[in-house]
């Protein structure tokens, strides 16, 4: 089942993703520990250039980051497959600004 971007937005807020990431359109989401989450759909890779960028890989990353990149600072968030798909849908639905 594809993700629901609106549910994903609510999960990003509820799970406090903005504590570590800057997330456009989310008030107070200005964290700098992790990368900013704008332009995710335009990036060729995820997780510091080690994982090819695709919605499936993003969902896998959101569900269990350490399984894809041991030693990552990104924790397991305890999301279900559907919740991770929803967050992915939200991130990929963001306005795209061409990268410099």
PDB file of N, CA and C in Angstrom:
ATOM      1  N   UNK A   1       0.847  -1.185   0.000  1.00  0.00           N
ATOM      2  CA  UNK A   1       0.000   0.000   0.000  1.00  0.00           C
ATOM      3  C   UNK A   1       0.891   1.246   0.000  1.00  0.00           C
ATOM      4  N   UNK A   2       0.601   2.204  -0.867  1.00  0.00           N
ATOM      5  CA  UNK A   2       1.407   3.421  -0.884  1.00  0.00           C
ATOM      6  C   UNK A   2       1.199   4.242   0.385  1.00  0.00           C
ATOM      7  N   UNK A   3       2.135   5.150   0.618  1.00  0.00           N
ATOM      8  CA  UNK A   3       2.052   5.985   1.801  1.00  0.00           C
ATOM      9  C   UNK A   3       1.079   7.131   1.642  1.00  0.00           C
ATOM     10  N   UNK A   4       0.663   7.677   2.776  1.00  0.00           N
ATOM     11  CA  UNK A   4      -0.226   8.825   2.838  1.00  0.00           C
ATOM     12  C   UNK A   4       0.580   9.998   3.377  1.00  0.00           C
ATOM     13  N   UNK A   5       0.813  11.000   2.528  1.00  0.00           N
ATOM     14  CA  UNK A   5       1.670  12.125   2.893  1.00  0.00           C
ATOM     15  C   UNK A   5       1.133  12.907   4.098  1.00  0.00           C
ATOM     16  N   UNK A   6      -0.170  13.050   4.202  1.00  0.00           N
ATOM     17  CA  UNK A   6      -0.740  13.780   5.338  1.00  0.00           C
ATOM     18  C   UNK A   6      -0.476  13.044   6.655  1.00  0.00           C
ATOM     19  N   UNK A   7      -0.672  11.720   6.640  1.00  0.00           N
ATOM     20  CA  UNK A   7      -0.347  10.932   7.833  1.00  0.00           C
ATOM     21  C   UNK A   7       1.145  11.017   8.140  1.00  0.00           C
ATOM     22  N   UNK A   8       1.965  11.009   7.089  1.00  0.00           N
ATOM     23  CA  UNK A   8       3.409  11.120   7.266  1.00  0.00           C
ATOM     24  C   UNK A   8       3.808  12.424   7.914  1.00  0.00           C
ATOM     25  N   UNK A   9       3.155  13.503   7.491  1.00  0.00           N
ATOM     26  CA  UNK A   9       3.433  14.815   8.106  1.00  0.00           C
ATOM     27  C   UNK A   9       3.123  14.779   9.599  1.00  0.00           C
ATOM     28  N   UNK A  10       1.984  14.196   9.944  1.00  0.00           N
ATOM     29  CA  UNK A  10       1.600  14.095  11.355  1.00  0.00           C
ATOM     30  C   UNK A  10       2.610  13.250  12.135  1.00  0.00           C
ATOM     31  N   UNK A  11       3.117  12.198  11.535  1.00  0.00           N
ATOM     32  CA  UNK A  11       4.121  11.363  12.200  1.00  0.00           C
ATOM     33  C   UNK A  11       5.434  12.107  12.392  1.00  0.00           C
ATOM     34  N   UNK A  12       5.837  12.887  11.406  1.00  0.00           N
ATOM     35  CA  UNK A  12       7.068  13.679  11.530  1.00  0.00           C
ATOM     36  C   UNK A  12       6.959  14.628  12.719  1.00  0.00           C
ATOM     37  N   UNK A  13       5.789  15.224  12.880  1.00  0.00           N
ATOM     38  CA  UNK A  13       5.562  16.119  14.028  1.00  0.00           C
ATOM     39  C   UNK A  13       5.528  15.311  15.329  1.00  0.00           C
ATOM     40  N   UNK A  14       4.732  14.257  15.353  1.00  0.00           N
ATOM     41  CA  UNK A  14       4.534  13.475  16.586  1.00  0.00           C
ATOM     42  C   UNK A  14       5.816  12.804  17.065  1.00  0.00           C
ATOM     43  N   UNK A  15       6.650  12.353  16.141  1.00  0.00           N
ATOM     44  CA  UNK A  15       7.877  11.646  16.509  1.00  0.00           C
ATOM     45  C   UNK A  15       9.053  12.583  16.753  1.00  0.00           C
ATOM     46  N   UNK A  16       8.820  13.875  16.569  1.00  0.00           N
ATOM     47  CA  UNK A  16       9.860  14.854  16.887  1.00  0.00           C
ATOM     48  C   UNK A  16      11.041  14.857  15.928  1.00  0.00           C
ATOM     49  N   UNK A  17      10.800  14.534  14.673  1.00  0.00           N
ATOM     50  CA  UNK A  17      11.889  14.483  13.691  1.00  0.00           C
ATOM     51  C   UNK A  17      12.616  15.826  13.584  1.00  0.00           C
ATOM     52  N   UNK A  18      11.890  16.906  13.849  1.00  0.00           N
ATOM     53  CA  UNK A  18      12.482  18.244  13.790  1.00  0.00           C
ATOM     54  C   UNK A  18      13.483  18.529  14.884  1.00  0.00           C
ATOM     55  N   UNK A  19      13.598  17.655  15.874  1.00  0.00           N
ATOM     56  CA  UNK A  19      14.628  17.818  16.890  1.00  0.00           C
ATOM     57  C   UNK A  19      16.016  17.549  16.332  1.00  0.00           C
ATOM     58  N   UNK A  20      16.084  16.719  15.295  1.00  0.00           N
ATOM     59  CA  UNK A  20      17.369  16.382  14.668  1.00  0.00           C
ATOM     60  C   UNK A  20      17.495  16.907  13.240  1.00  0.00           C
ATOM     61  N   UNK A  21      16.366  17.131  12.581  1.00  0.00           N
ATOM     62  CA  UNK A  21      16.369  17.541  11.168  1.00  0.00           C
ATOM     63  C   UNK A  21      15.612  18.851  10.990  1.00  0.00           C
ATOM     64  N   UNK A  22      16.024  19.635  10.012  1.00  0.00           N
ATOM     65  CA  UNK A  22      15.219  20.746   9.541  1.00  0.00           C
ATOM     66  C   UNK A  22      14.233  20.157   8.540  1.00  0.00           C
ATOM     67  N   UNK A  23      12.949  20.434   8.773  1.00  0.00           N
ATOM     68  CA  UNK A  23      11.904  19.892   7.905  1.00  0.00           C
ATOM     69  C   UNK A  23      11.051  21.062   7.419  1.00  0.00           C
ATOM     70  N   UNK A  24      11.145  21.396   6.136  1.00  0.00           N
ATOM     71  CA  UNK A  24      10.345  22.499   5.613  1.00  0.00           C
ATOM     72  C   UNK A  24       8.858  22.273   5.863  1.00  0.00           C
ATOM     73  N   UNK A  25       8.174  23.332   6.250  1.00  0.00           N
ATOM     74  CA  UNK A  25       6.737  23.264   6.467  1.00  0.00           C
ATOM     75  C   UNK A  25       6.320  22.748   7.824  1.00  0.00           C
ATOM     76  N   UNK A  26       7.282  22.392   8.670  1.00  0.00           N
ATOM     77  CA  UNK A  26       6.965  21.926  10.019  1.00  0.00           C
ATOM     78  C   UNK A  26       7.492  22.963  11.000  1.00  0.00           C
ATOM     79  N   UNK A  27       6.590  23.645  11.679  1.00  0.00           N
ATOM     80  CA  UNK A  27       6.985  24.689  12.613  1.00  0.00           C
ATOM     81  C   UNK A  27       7.896  24.124  13.700  1.00  0.00           C
ATOM     82  N   UNK A  28       9.013  24.798  13.925  1.00  0.00           N
ATOM     83  CA  UNK A  28       9.953  24.398  14.962  1.00  0.00           C
ATOM     84  C   UNK A  28      10.885  23.262  14.578  1.00  0.00           C
ATOM     85  N   UNK A  29      10.735  22.726  13.374  1.00  0.00           N
ATOM     86  CA  UNK A  29      11.599  21.620  12.933  1.00  0.00           C
ATOM     87  C   UNK A  29      12.872  22.211  12.335  1.00  0.00           C
ATOM     88  N   UNK A  30      13.810  22.508  13.215  1.00  0.00           N
ATOM     89  CA  UNK A  30      15.032  23.177  12.772  1.00  0.00           C
ATOM     90  C   UNK A  30      16.288  22.510  13.325  1.00  0.00           C
ATOM     91  N   UNK A  31      16.215  21.208  13.563  1.00  0.00           N
ATOM     92  CA  UNK A  31      17.363  20.477  14.090  1.00  0.00           C
ATOM     93  C   UNK A  31      18.517  20.444  13.102  1.00  0.00           C
ATOM     94  N   UNK A  32      19.717  20.328  13.645  1.00  0.00           N
ATOM     95  CA  UNK A  32      20.912  20.318  12.806  1.00  0.00           C
ATOM     96  C   UNK A  32      21.792  19.086  13.047  1.00  0.00           C
ATOM     97  N   UNK A  33      21.324  18.141  13.862  1.00  0.00           N
ATOM     98  CA  UNK A  33      22.104  16.925  14.102  1.00  0.00           C
ATOM     99  C   UNK A  33      22.127  16.063  12.840  1.00  0.00           C
ATOM    100  N   UNK A  34      20.964  15.895  12.219  1.00  0.00           N
ATOM    101  CA  UNK A  34      20.851  15.155  10.966  1.00  0.00           C
ATOM    102  C   UNK A  34      20.732  16.125   9.813  1.00  0.00           C
ATOM    103  N   UNK A  35      20.782  15.621   8.595  1.00  0.00           N
ATOM    104  CA  UNK A  35      20.689  16.506   7.428  1.00  0.00           C
ATOM    105  C   UNK A  35      19.302  17.126   7.303  1.00  0.00           C
ATOM    106  N   UNK A  36      19.213  18.283   6.653  1.00  0.00           N
ATOM    107  CA  UNK A  36      17.899  18.862   6.372  1.00  0.00           C
ATOM    108  C   UNK A  36      17.132  17.921   5.442  1.00  0.00           C
ATOM    109  N   UNK A  37      15.828  17.887   5.585  1.00  0.00           N
ATOM    110  CA  UNK A  37      15.022  16.945   4.821  1.00  0.00           C
ATOM    111  C   UNK A  37      14.316  17.576   3.624  1.00  0.00           C
ATOM    112  N   UNK A  38      14.802  18.719   3.188  1.00  0.00           N
ATOM    113  CA  UNK A  38      14.279  19.289   1.947  1.00  0.00           C
ATOM    114  C   UNK A  38      14.976  18.617   0.755  1.00  0.00           C
ATOM    115  N   UNK A  39      14.334  18.617  -0.370  1.00  0.00           N
ATOM    116  CA  UNK A  39      14.888  18.067  -1.616  1.00  0.00           C
ATOM    117  C   UNK A  39      15.257  16.587  -1.545  1.00  0.00           C
ATOM    118  N   UNK A  40      14.629  15.835  -0.667  1.00  0.00           N
ATOM    119  CA  UNK A  40      14.949  14.408  -0.564  1.00  0.00           C
ATOM    120  C   UNK A  40      14.770  13.719  -1.915  1.00  0.00           C
ATOM    121  N   UNK A  41      13.721  14.036  -2.630  1.00  0.00           N
ATOM    122  CA  UNK A  41      13.444  13.361  -3.902  1.00  0.00           C
ATOM    123  C   UNK A  41      14.502  13.643  -4.955  1.00  0.00           C
ATOM    124  N   UNK A  42      15.251  14.716  -4.806  1.00  0.00           N
ATOM    125  CA  UNK A  42      16.279  15.065  -5.787  1.00  0.00           C
ATOM    126  C   UNK A  42      17.647  14.475  -5.482  1.00  0.00           C
ATOM    127  N   UNK A  43      17.817  13.919  -4.311  1.00  0.00           N
ATOM    128  CA  UNK A  43      19.127  13.393  -3.926  1.00  0.00           C
ATOM    129  C   UNK A  43      19.381  12.036  -4.567  1.00  0.00           C
ATOM    130  N   UNK A  44      20.592  11.814  -5.053  1.00  0.00           N
ATOM    131  CA  UNK A  44      20.886  10.516  -5.666  1.00  0.00           C
ATOM    132  C   UNK A  44      21.041   9.393  -4.640  1.00  0.00           C
ATOM    133  N   UNK A  45      21.391   9.761  -3.410  1.00  0.00           N
ATOM    134  CA  UNK A  45      21.605   8.750  -2.382  1.00  0.00           C
ATOM    135  C   UNK A  45      21.034   9.220  -1.049  1.00  0.00           C
ATOM    136  N   UNK A  46      20.949   8.277  -0.121  1.00  0.00           N
ATOM    137  CA  UNK A  46      20.475   8.534   1.237  1.00  0.00           C
ATOM    138  C   UNK A  46      21.572   8.160   2.221  1.00  0.00           C
ATOM    139  N   UNK A  47      21.480   8.667   3.412  1.00  0.00           N
ATOM    140  CA  UNK A  47      22.351   8.248   4.515  1.00  0.00           C
ATOM    141  C   UNK A  47      23.827   8.469   4.228  1.00  0.00           C
ATOM    142  N   UNK A  48      24.162   9.683   3.833  1.00  0.00           N
ATOM    143  CA  UNK A  48      25.566   9.982   3.618  1.00  0.00           C
ATOM    144  C   UNK A  48      26.146   9.309   2.395  1.00  0.00           C
ATOM    145  N   UNK A  49      25.349   9.182   1.364  1.00  0.00           N
ATOM    146  CA  UNK A  49      25.794   8.686   0.063  1.00  0.00           C
ATOM    147  C   UNK A  49      26.103   7.200   0.025  1.00  0.00           C
ATOM    148  N   UNK A  50      25.515   6.426   0.919  1.00  0.00           N
ATOM    149  CA  UNK A  50      25.779   4.991   0.880  1.00  0.00           C
ATOM    150  C   UNK A  50      24.607   4.162   0.360  1.00  0.00           C
ATOM    151  N   UNK A  51      23.422   4.738   0.265  1.00  0.00           N
ATOM    152  CA  UNK A  51      22.225   3.986  -0.121  1.00  0.00           C
ATOM    153  C   UNK A  51      21.562   4.684  -1.310  1.00  0.00           C
ATOM    154  N   UNK A  52      21.358   3.988  -2.431  1.00  0.00           N
ATOM    155  CA  UNK A  52      20.673   4.610  -3.564  1.00  0.00           C
ATOM    156  C   UNK A  52      19.294   5.132  -3.143  1.00  0.00           C
ATOM    157  N   UNK A  53      18.968   6.318  -3.607  1.00  0.00           N
ATOM    158  CA  UNK A  53      17.712   6.958  -3.234  1.00  0.00           C
ATOM    159  C   UNK A  53      16.549   6.371  -4.026  1.00  0.00           C
ATOM    160  N   UNK A  54      15.566   5.882  -3.297  1.00  0.00           N
ATOM    161  CA  UNK A  54      14.296   5.441  -3.874  1.00  0.00           C
ATOM    162  C   UNK A  54      13.281   5.447  -2.731  1.00  0.00           C
ATOM    163  N   UNK A  55      11.993   5.515  -3.059  1.00  0.00           N
ATOM    164  CA  UNK A  55      11.005   5.444  -1.984  1.00  0.00           C
ATOM    165  C   UNK A  55      11.117   4.156  -1.158  1.00  0.00           C
ATOM    166  N   UNK A  56      11.394   3.035  -1.808  1.00  0.00           N
ATOM    167  CA  UNK A  56      11.532   1.780  -1.058  1.00  0.00           C
ATOM    168  C   UNK A  56      12.711   1.836  -0.094  1.00  0.00           C
ATOM    169  N   UNK A  57      13.846   2.354  -0.575  1.00  0.00           N
ATOM    170  CA  UNK A  57      15.018   2.456   0.312  1.00  0.00           C
ATOM    171  C   UNK A  57      14.787   3.469   1.428  1.00  0.00           C
ATOM    172  N   UNK A  58      14.076   4.553   1.135  1.00  0.00           N
ATOM    173  CA  UNK A  58      13.771   5.528   2.179  1.00  0.00           C
ATOM    174  C   UNK A  58      12.898   4.879   3.246  1.00  0.00           C
ATOM    175  N   UNK A  59      11.919   4.110   2.842  1.00  0.00           N
ATOM    176  CA  UNK A  59      11.058   3.421   3.803  1.00  0.00           C
ATOM    177  C   UNK A  59      11.876   2.460   4.656  1.00  0.00           C
ATOM    178  N   UNK A  60      12.750   1.696   4.023  1.00  0.00           N
ATOM    179  CA  UNK A  60      13.619   0.778   4.769  1.00  0.00           C
ATOM    180  C   UNK A  60      14.496   1.552   5.746  1.00  0.00           C
ATOM    181  N   UNK A  61      15.052   2.674   5.294  1.00  0.00           N
ATOM    182  CA  UNK A  61      15.908   3.512   6.154  1.00  0.00           C
ATOM    183  C   UNK A  61      15.130   4.022   7.357  1.00  0.00           C
ATOM    184  N   UNK A  62      13.936   4.538   7.130  1.00  0.00           N
ATOM    185  CA  UNK A  62      13.127   5.090   8.214  1.00  0.00           C
ATOM    186  C   UNK A  62      12.756   3.992   9.224  1.00  0.00           C
ATOM    187  N   UNK A  63      12.520   2.784   8.749  1.00  0.00           N
ATOM    188  CA  UNK A  63      12.140   1.692   9.651  1.00  0.00           C
ATOM    189  C   UNK A  63      13.309   1.199  10.495  1.00  0.00           C
ATOM    190  N   UNK A  64      14.486   1.081   9.893  1.00  0.00           N
ATOM    191  CA  UNK A  64      15.605   0.469  10.621  1.00  0.00           C
ATOM    192  C   UNK A  64      16.947   0.975  10.098  1.00  0.00           C
ATOM    193  N   UNK A  65      17.295   2.221  10.420  1.00  0.00           N
ATOM    194  CA  UNK A  65      18.536   2.806   9.898  1.00  0.00           C
ATOM    195  C   UNK A  65      19.797   1.979  10.191  1.00  0.00           C
ATOM    196  N   UNK A  66      19.983   1.469  11.422  1.00  0.00           N
ATOM    197  CA  UNK A  66      21.228   0.726  11.690  1.00  0.00           C
ATOM    198  C   UNK A  66      21.397  -0.538  10.845  1.00  0.00           C
ATOM    199  N   UNK A  67      20.301  -1.112  10.350  1.00  0.00           N
ATOM    200  CA  UNK A  67      20.438  -2.320   9.527  1.00  0.00           C
ATOM    201  C   UNK A  67      21.023  -1.982   8.157  1.00  0.00           C
ATOM    202  N   UNK A  68      20.828  -0.738   7.711  1.00  0.00           N
ATOM    203  CA  UNK A  68      21.352  -0.313   6.418  1.00  0.00           C
ATOM    204  C   UNK A  68      22.711   0.375   6.530  1.00  0.00           C
ATOM    205  N   UNK A  69      22.954   1.006   7.684  1.00  0.00           N
ATOM    206  CA  UNK A  69      24.216   1.713   7.889  1.00  0.00           C
ATOM    207  C   UNK A  69      24.617   1.563   9.364  1.00  0.00           C
ATOM    208  N   UNK A  70      25.317   0.484   9.675  1.00  0.00           N
ATOM    209  CA  UNK A  70      25.739   0.277  11.064  1.00  0.00           C
ATOM    210  C   UNK A  70      26.517   1.485  11.593  1.00  0.00           C
ATOM    211  N   UNK A  71      26.233   1.849  12.820  1.00  0.00           N
ATOM    212  CA  UNK A  71      26.911   2.977  13.438  1.00  0.00           C
ATOM    213  C   UNK A  71      26.266   4.327  13.183  1.00  0.00           C
ATOM    214  N   UNK A  72      25.192   4.358  12.411  1.00  0.00           N
ATOM    215  CA  UNK A  72      24.510   5.622  12.145  1.00  0.00           C
ATOM    216  C   UNK A  72      23.960   6.220  13.439  1.00  0.00           C
ATOM    217  N   UNK A  73      23.866   7.531  13.463  1.00  0.00           N
ATOM    218  CA  UNK A  73      23.263   8.209  14.613  1.00  0.00           C
ATOM    219  C   UNK A  73      21.733   8.159  14.552  1.00  0.00           C
ATOM    220  N   UNK A  74      21.197   7.836  13.397  1.00  0.00           N
ATOM    221  CA  UNK A  74      19.736   7.758  13.236  1.00  0.00           C
ATOM    222  C   UNK A  74      19.221   6.520  13.964  1.00  0.00           C
ATOM    223  N   UNK A  75      18.342   6.715  14.933  1.00  0.00           N
ATOM    224  CA  UNK A  75      17.841   5.571  15.711  1.00  0.00           C
ATOM    225  C   UNK A  75      16.667   4.872  15.030  1.00  0.00           C
ATOM    226  N   UNK A  76      16.372   3.682  15.489  1.00  0.00           N
ATOM    227  CA  UNK A  76      15.120   3.025  15.117  1.00  0.00           C
ATOM    228  C   UNK A  76      14.002   3.800  15.807  1.00  0.00           C
ATOM    229  N   UNK A  77      12.977   4.110  15.072  1.00  0.00           N
ATOM    230  CA  UNK A  77      11.889   4.913  15.622  1.00  0.00           C
ATOM    231  C   UNK A  77      10.678   4.080  16.015  1.00  0.00           C
ATOM    232  N   UNK A  78      10.723   2.795  15.742  1.00  0.00           N
ATOM    233  CA  UNK A  78       9.599   1.931  16.093  1.00  0.00           C
ATOM    234  C   UNK A  78       8.387   2.120  15.213  1.00  0.00           C
ATOM    235  N   UNK A  79       8.596   2.591  13.996  1.00  0.00           N
ATOM    236  CA  UNK A  79       7.476   2.787  13.080  1.00  0.00           C
ATOM    237  C   UNK A  79       7.118   1.478  12.390  1.00  0.00           C
ATOM    238  N   UNK A  80       5.856   1.320  12.083  1.00  0.00           N
ATOM    239  CA  UNK A  80       5.405   0.188  11.289  1.00  0.00           C
ATOM    240  C   UNK A  80       5.786   0.429   9.826  1.00  0.00           C
ATOM    241  N   UNK A  81       5.636  -0.602   9.019  1.00  0.00           N
ATOM    242  CA  UNK A  81       5.883  -0.460   7.576  1.00  0.00           C
ATOM    243  C   UNK A  81       5.000   0.649   7.006  1.00  0.00           C
ATOM    244  N   UNK A  82       3.710   0.645   7.352  1.00  0.00           N
ATOM    245  CA  UNK A  82       2.802   1.659   6.808  1.00  0.00           C
ATOM    246  C   UNK A  82       3.190   3.061   7.275  1.00  0.00           C
ATOM    247  N   UNK A  83       3.545   3.204   8.542  1.00  0.00           N
ATOM    248  CA  UNK A  83       3.955   4.521   9.040  1.00  0.00           C
ATOM    249  C   UNK A  83       5.212   5.004   8.311  1.00  0.00           C
ATOM    250  N   UNK A  84       6.158   4.118   8.097  1.00  0.00           N
ATOM    251  CA  UNK A  84       7.375   4.503   7.369  1.00  0.00           C
ATOM    252  C   UNK A  84       7.042   4.886   5.928  1.00  0.00           C
ATOM    253  N   UNK A  85       6.107   4.186   5.309  1.00  0.00           N
ATOM    254  CA  UNK A  85       5.670   4.551   3.958  1.00  0.00           C
ATOM    255  C   UNK A  85       4.992   5.918   3.964  1.00  0.00           C
ATOM    256  N   UNK A  86       4.239   6.208   5.011  1.00  0.00           N
ATOM    257  CA  UNK A  86       3.582   7.516   5.117  1.00  0.00           C
ATOM    258  C   UNK A  86       4.616   8.636   5.254  1.00  0.00           C
ATOM    259  N   UNK A  87       5.626   8.432   6.093  1.00  0.00           N
ATOM    260  CA  UNK A  87       6.687   9.442   6.247  1.00  0.00           C
ATOM    261  C   UNK A  87       7.424   9.618   4.926  1.00  0.00           C
ATOM    262  N   UNK A  88       7.702   8.522   4.256  1.00  0.00           N
ATOM    263  CA  UNK A  88       8.359   8.600   2.944  1.00  0.00           C
ATOM    264  C   UNK A  88       7.507   9.400   1.975  1.00  0.00           C
ATOM    265  N   UNK A  89       6.209   9.129   1.932  1.00  0.00           N
ATOM    266  CA  UNK A  89       5.307   9.867   1.036  1.00  0.00           C
ATOM    267  C   UNK A  89       5.345  11.356   1.355  1.00  0.00           C
ATOM    268  N   UNK A  90       5.360  11.692   2.637  1.00  0.00           N
ATOM    269  CA  UNK A  90       5.446  13.107   3.018  1.00  0.00           C
ATOM    270  C   UNK A  90       6.752  13.724   2.527  1.00  0.00           C
ATOM    271  N   UNK A  91       7.863  13.062   2.787  1.00  0.00           N
ATOM    272  CA  UNK A  91       9.162  13.620   2.395  1.00  0.00           C
ATOM    273  C   UNK A  91       9.288  13.771   0.884  1.00  0.00           C
ATOM    274  N   UNK A  92       8.773  12.817   0.144  1.00  0.00           N
ATOM    275  CA  UNK A  92       8.858  12.885  -1.314  1.00  0.00           C
ATOM    276  C   UNK A  92       7.828  13.837  -1.914  1.00  0.00           C
ATOM    277  N   UNK A  93       6.854  14.267  -1.135  1.00  0.00           N
ATOM    278  CA  UNK A  93       5.842  15.194  -1.644  1.00  0.00           C
ATOM    279  C   UNK A  93       6.228  16.652  -1.456  1.00  0.00           C
ATOM    280  N   UNK A  94       7.320  16.891  -0.765  1.00  0.00           N
ATOM    281  CA  UNK A  94       7.743  18.260  -0.493  1.00  0.00           C
ATOM    282  C   UNK A  94       8.108  18.982  -1.790  1.00  0.00           C
ATOM    283  N   UNK A  95       7.910  20.309  -1.803  1.00  0.00           N
ATOM    284  CA  UNK A  95       8.312  21.071  -3.002  1.00  0.00           C
ATOM    285  C   UNK A  95       9.788  20.820  -3.308  1.00  0.00           C
ATOM    286  N   UNK A  96      10.066  20.736  -4.584  1.00  0.00           N
ATOM    287  CA  UNK A  96      11.435  20.442  -5.010  1.00  0.00           C
ATOM    288  C   UNK A  96      12.087  21.700  -5.552  1.00  0.00           C
ATOM    289  N   UNK A  97      13.196  22.043  -4.975  1.00  0.00           N
ATOM    290  CA  UNK A  97      14.000  23.154  -5.454  1.00  0.00           C
ATOM    291  C   UNK A  97      15.275  22.552  -6.037  1.00  0.00           C
ATOM    292  N   UNK A  98      15.609  22.875  -7.271  1.00  0.00           N
ATOM    293  CA  UNK A  98      16.801  22.284  -7.868  1.00  0.00           C
ATOM    294  C   UNK A  98      18.028  22.513  -7.001  1.00  0.00           C
ATOM    295  N   UNK A  99      18.834  21.475  -6.917  1.00  0.00           N
ATOM    296  CA  UNK A  99      20.077  21.583  -6.145  1.00  0.00           C
ATOM    297  C   UNK A  99      21.080  22.412  -6.926  1.00  0.00           C
ATOM    298  N   UNK A 100      21.912  23.167  -6.211  1.00  0.00           N
ATOM    299  CA  UNK A 100      22.905  23.998  -6.935  1.00  0.00           C
ATOM    300  C   UNK A 100      23.917  23.153  -7.670  1.00  0.00           C
TER     301      UNK A 100
END
